[in-house]
Amino acid sequence: MRRIALLYFITSCQAELQRVTLTFKYVNGTWVPVVPAPSPPTYALSTKVIAALFLFLLFLISFFGNIILISTISSSLTLRRLSYNLLLLQLGIVKLFECMLNITLSIAYQSTQPWIFGSFFCSLNSMLMEIVPIVETVTLSLLTIDRTRALKRTNLYKKSVHASPMKWKLLLGLIWFISLFLSLPLLPALIDSWPFPFRYSCHPVHELAAYYGMVSGSMFIIPWVSFFVCSIMIYSTIQDEKRRENKEQRGQNKEP
């Protein structure tokens, strides 16, 4: 028996890379291919249990923490009128959304491997894995911009912080709409998704995935650039304020 080559293939049910040894056996003057059964996956039961327990712990912390945040802001009319509290409420909702849908499905996937929920729920999970990061990233960017305005233009910000909360609500609703619109191609399986055990979820694997990644990725570039710029402005403003206070203190110490 003579070993000729090694072939690699991707199994459609697990989207895992496996190795198959292709061998040939000389029978009656002809080389006959013989493909032995692939070795069982090395993903041990103990590893799955540890991953499931870790995700469950993350679920508990995220669930109760965001419930406290949402209930605190929602129960107070005064808090709901402040723009930055609306942004914090948005973050609490999106993280609770991820906790109830994405993390729960990841725990179920880790506990029942291989994937048994069908192609529709795989596409739905892949879609949700795109919506949540986009909404979260854009909201964090808006929160950073809001804090930058509060530091750079304090007097103007104090006058506008209570003004027209409806505009903020419409803006936050627009963020959800855009995120949903960009993620819709994943739901009807226009872009195929497969389960990835080591990612605990489903992700796009279609040939259009690269193009779709660039489209959805554009929603991360601008927020992260604005987040970086605003962080520098906040740091610079704080340092300028410290230098001004130190200068005033030195001036007071020099007075007789």
Protein backbone atom coordinates (compact mmCIF):
# COMPACT_ATOMS: atom_id res chain seq x y z
CA MET A 1 0.00 0.00 0.00
CA ARG A 2 1.45 3.32 -1.04
CA ARG A 3 0.59 6.75 0.34
CA ILE A 4 0.21 9.29 -2.45
CA ALA A 5 -1.19 12.58 -1.07
CA LEU A 6 -3.11 14.40 1.58
CA LEU A 7 -6.36 16.10 0.73
CA TYR A 8 -8.21 18.69 2.76
CA PHE A 9 -11.91 19.33 2.76
CA ILE A 10 -14.43 21.37 4.70
CA THR A 11 -17.40 19.53 6.09
CA SER A 12 -20.66 21.34 5.42
CA CYS A 13 -22.17 20.36 8.74
CA GLN A 14 -19.45 21.74 10.97
CA ALA A 15 -17.42 24.11 8.80
CA GLU A 16 -14.26 22.62 10.31
CA LEU A 17 -11.05 21.89 8.49
CA GLN A 18 -10.24 18.18 8.55
CA ARG A 19 -7.45 16.04 7.12
CA VAL A 20 -8.09 13.00 4.95
CA THR A 21 -5.35 10.60 3.92
CA LEU A 22 -5.81 9.33 0.38
CA THR A 23 -4.07 6.01 -0.18
CA PHE A 24 -3.83 3.65 -3.15
CA LYS A 25 -3.64 -0.12 -3.17
CA TYR A 26 -2.30 -2.12 -6.08
CA VAL A 27 -4.97 -4.68 -7.02
CA ASN A 28 -4.76 -6.87 -10.15
CA GLY A 29 -2.42 -4.53 -11.94
CA THR A 30 -4.42 -1.37 -11.08
CA TRP A 31 -3.99 1.29 -8.42
CA VAL A 32 -7.29 1.45 -6.50
CA PRO A 33 -7.94 4.48 -4.24
CA VAL A 34 -8.77 3.68 -0.64
CA VAL A 35 -10.04 6.43 1.64
CA PRO A 36 -10.01 5.47 5.33
CA ALA A 37 -12.59 6.92 7.69
CA PRO A 38 -11.57 10.29 9.14
CA SER A 39 -10.46 10.42 12.71
CA PRO A 40 -13.03 11.64 15.23
CA PRO A 41 -12.91 15.35 16.16
CA THR A 42 -10.51 16.28 18.91
CA TYR A 43 -12.98 18.70 20.50
CA ALA A 44 -13.25 16.91 23.84
CA LEU A 45 -16.35 16.80 26.00
CA SER A 46 -14.55 18.51 28.86
CA THR A 47 -13.70 21.44 26.58
CA LYS A 48 -17.34 21.81 25.57
CA VAL A 49 -18.45 21.73 29.20
CA ILE A 50 -15.92 24.40 30.21
CA ALA A 51 -16.94 26.61 27.27
CA ALA A 52 -20.64 26.19 28.06
CA LEU A 53 -20.09 27.02 31.75
CA PHE A 54 -18.05 30.10 30.86
CA LEU A 55 -20.76 31.32 28.48
CA PHE A 56 -23.43 30.66 31.11
CA LEU A 57 -21.48 32.73 33.68
CA LEU A 58 -21.14 35.50 31.10
CA PHE A 59 -24.87 35.25 30.49
CA LEU A 60 -25.71 35.70 34.19
CA ILE A 61 -23.41 38.71 34.64
CA SER A 62 -24.61 40.39 31.46
CA PHE A 63 -28.29 39.67 32.08
CA PHE A 64 -28.55 40.97 35.64
CA GLY A 65 -26.15 43.89 35.06
CA ASN A 66 -28.08 45.18 32.06
CA ILE A 67 -31.44 44.59 33.75
CA ILE A 68 -30.30 46.85 36.62
CA LEU A 69 -29.07 49.52 34.18
CA ILE A 70 -32.25 49.47 32.08
CA SER A 71 -34.63 49.47 35.07
CA THR A 72 -32.74 52.32 36.77
CA ILE A 73 -32.87 54.66 33.79
CA SER A 74 -36.34 53.64 32.61
CA SER A 75 -37.93 54.18 36.02
CA SER A 76 -36.80 57.81 36.24
CA LEU A 77 -38.27 60.50 34.00
CA THR A 78 -35.42 62.85 34.91
CA LEU A 79 -32.77 60.34 33.84
CA ARG A 80 -34.57 59.61 30.57
CA ARG A 81 -34.44 63.28 29.61
CA LEU A 82 -30.63 63.35 29.59
CA SER A 83 -28.99 62.49 26.28
CA TYR A 84 -26.13 60.46 27.71
CA ASN A 85 -28.58 58.39 29.78
CA LEU A 86 -30.47 57.55 26.59
CA LEU A 87 -27.19 56.34 25.10
CA LEU A 88 -26.48 54.25 28.20
CA LEU A 89 -30.01 52.85 27.97
CA GLN A 90 -29.34 51.94 24.35
CA LEU A 91 -26.17 50.11 25.35
CA GLY A 92 -28.06 48.22 28.06
CA ILE A 93 -30.76 47.19 25.59
CA VAL A 94 -28.32 46.02 22.92
CA LYS A 95 -26.25 44.03 25.44
CA LEU A 96 -29.41 42.45 26.84
CA PHE A 97 -30.41 41.69 23.26
CA GLU A 98 -27.10 39.94 22.71
CA CYS A 99 -27.37 38.11 26.02
CA MET A 100 -30.87 36.74 25.39
CA LEU A 101 -30.31 35.71 21.76
CA ASN A 102 -26.64 35.32 20.86
CA ILE A 103 -25.15 34.02 24.11
CA THR A 104 -28.14 31.75 24.77
CA LEU A 105 -27.81 30.18 21.33
CA SER A 106 -24.05 29.83 21.80
CA ILE A 107 -24.61 27.93 25.07
CA ALA A 108 -27.10 25.63 23.35
CA TYR A 109 -24.65 25.08 20.47
CA GLN A 110 -21.80 24.20 22.81
CA SER A 111 -24.02 21.80 24.74
CA THR A 112 -25.45 19.96 21.72
CA GLN A 113 -22.69 19.90 19.11
CA PRO A 114 -22.93 19.42 16.18
CA TRP A 115 -25.33 22.15 15.06
CA ILE A 116 -28.90 20.79 15.23
CA PHE A 117 -30.97 23.96 14.79
CA GLY A 118 -31.13 24.02 11.01
CA SER A 119 -29.95 26.46 8.33
CA PHE A 120 -32.55 29.15 9.10
CA PHE A 121 -31.47 29.60 12.72
CA CYS A 122 -27.84 29.47 11.61
CA SER A 123 -28.51 32.39 9.23
CA LEU A 124 -30.47 34.17 11.96
CA ASN A 125 -27.60 33.74 14.42
CA SER A 126 -25.13 35.03 11.84
CA MET A 127 -27.37 38.04 11.25
CA LEU A 128 -27.65 38.81 14.96
CA MET A 129 -23.88 38.52 15.33
CA GLU A 130 -23.62 41.39 12.82
CA ILE A 131 -26.41 43.63 14.17
CA VAL A 132 -25.26 43.78 17.79
CA PRO A 133 -21.63 44.92 17.20
CA ILE A 134 -22.73 47.62 14.74
CA VAL A 135 -25.33 49.10 17.11
CA GLU A 136 -22.96 48.84 20.06
CA THR A 137 -20.03 50.47 18.25
CA VAL A 138 -22.04 53.38 16.85
CA THR A 139 -23.70 53.99 20.23
CA LEU A 140 -20.34 54.04 22.01
CA SER A 141 -19.10 56.51 19.42
CA LEU A 142 -22.09 58.79 20.03
CA LEU A 143 -21.54 58.54 23.78
CA THR A 144 -17.91 59.59 23.34
CA ILE A 145 -18.95 62.53 21.14
CA ASP A 146 -21.51 63.55 23.76
CA ARG A 147 -18.87 63.50 26.52
CA THR A 148 -16.49 65.49 24.33
CA ARG A 149 -19.12 68.18 23.79
CA ALA A 150 -19.74 68.30 27.55
CA LEU A 151 -16.05 69.04 28.16
CA LYS A 152 -15.26 71.32 25.23
CA ARG A 153 -18.46 73.41 25.27
CA THR A 154 -19.71 73.13 28.80
CA ASN A 155 -22.05 76.13 28.86
CA LEU A 156 -23.67 75.29 25.53
CA TYR A 157 -23.99 71.64 26.52
CA LYS A 158 -25.76 72.51 29.79
CA LYS A 159 -28.40 74.41 27.82
CA SER A 160 -28.99 71.60 25.31
CA VAL A 161 -28.64 68.49 27.49
CA HIS A 162 -32.35 68.51 28.40
CA ALA A 163 -33.54 69.66 24.99
CA SER A 164 -35.54 67.48 22.55
CA PRO A 165 -34.88 63.91 23.76
CA MET A 166 -37.10 62.80 20.88
CA LYS A 167 -34.29 63.67 18.44
CA TRP A 168 -31.97 61.31 20.26
CA LYS A 169 -34.61 58.58 20.24
CA LEU A 170 -35.06 58.98 16.49
CA LEU A 171 -31.29 58.86 16.00
CA LEU A 172 -30.99 55.67 18.05
CA GLY A 173 -33.87 54.14 16.11
CA LEU A 174 -32.08 55.04 12.86
CA ILE A 175 -28.99 53.17 14.06
CA TRP A 176 -31.08 50.02 14.58
CA PHE A 177 -32.67 50.44 11.15
CA ILE A 178 -29.33 50.79 9.34
CA SER A 179 -27.85 47.81 11.21
CA LEU A 180 -30.88 45.69 10.35
CA PHE A 181 -30.77 46.78 6.71
CA LEU A 182 -27.08 45.85 6.36
CA SER A 183 -27.63 42.47 8.02
CA LEU A 184 -30.76 41.42 6.10
CA PRO A 185 -28.83 39.58 3.31
CA LEU A 186 -27.83 36.99 5.92
CA LEU A 187 -31.38 36.08 6.90
CA PRO A 188 -32.76 34.71 3.59
CA ALA A 189 -29.46 32.86 3.07
CA LEU A 190 -28.43 35.10 0.20
CA ILE A 191 -25.04 34.81 1.87
CA ASP A 192 -24.61 31.31 3.31
CA SER A 193 -23.61 30.87 6.93
CA TRP A 194 -22.08 27.87 8.67
CA PRO A 195 -21.58 27.06 12.35
CA PHE A 196 -18.05 27.46 13.69
CA PRO A 197 -17.52 25.52 16.95
CA PHE A 198 -14.49 27.52 18.06
CA ARG A 199 -16.37 30.79 17.53
CA TYR A 200 -19.46 29.50 19.36
CA SER A 201 -21.74 30.82 16.59
CA CYS A 202 -22.53 30.94 12.87
CA HIS A 203 -20.72 33.19 10.39
CA PRO A 204 -20.89 33.92 6.63
CA VAL A 205 -18.92 31.60 4.33
CA HIS A 206 -20.41 32.54 0.94
CA GLU A 207 -18.24 33.91 -1.86
CA LEU A 208 -19.93 37.27 -1.26
CA ALA A 209 -18.81 37.23 2.36
CA ALA A 210 -15.73 39.35 1.60
CA TYR A 211 -17.82 42.02 -0.13
CA TYR A 212 -20.41 41.92 2.63
CA GLY A 213 -17.62 42.18 5.21
CA MET A 214 -16.38 45.39 3.60
CA VAL A 215 -19.90 46.86 3.52
CA SER A 216 -20.71 46.03 7.14
CA GLY A 217 -17.13 46.84 8.18
CA SER A 218 -17.57 50.40 6.95
CA MET A 219 -19.99 50.88 9.84
CA PHE A 220 -17.09 50.26 12.24
CA ILE A 221 -14.43 52.46 10.63
CA ILE A 222 -16.07 55.87 11.10
CA PRO A 223 -17.22 55.20 14.70
CA TRP A 224 -13.79 53.96 15.75
CA VAL A 225 -12.05 56.92 14.10
CA SER A 226 -14.41 59.32 15.88
CA PHE A 227 -13.91 57.41 19.13
CA PHE A 228 -10.13 57.75 18.79
CA VAL A 229 -10.29 61.46 17.93
CA CYS A 230 -12.73 62.23 20.75
CA SER A 231 -10.58 60.30 23.23
CA ILE A 232 -7.59 62.46 22.31
CA MET A 233 -9.70 65.62 22.66
CA ILE A 234 -10.99 64.53 26.07
CA TYR A 235 -7.48 63.72 27.27
CA SER A 236 -6.17 67.05 25.96
CA THR A 237 -8.99 68.99 27.63
CA ILE A 238 -8.42 67.29 30.98
CA GLN A 239 -4.68 67.98 30.82
CA ASP A 240 -5.29 71.65 29.93
CA GLU A 241 -7.67 71.95 32.89
CA LYS A 242 -5.09 70.43 35.22
CA ARG A 243 -2.40 72.81 33.99
CA ARG A 244 -4.75 75.77 34.48
CA GLU A 245 -5.56 74.69 38.04
CA ASN A 246 -1.88 74.18 38.85
CA LYS A 247 -1.08 77.64 37.47
CA GLU A 248 -3.81 79.21 39.60
CA GLN A 249 -2.55 77.42 42.70
CA ARG A 250 1.00 78.64 42.08
CA GLY A 251 -0.33 82.17 41.68
CA GLN A 252 -2.22 81.98 44.95
CA ASN A 253 0.85 80.66 46.77
CA LYS A 254 2.91 83.63 45.56
CA GLU A 255 0.46 86.13 47.00
CA PRO A 256 1.57 87.62 50.40
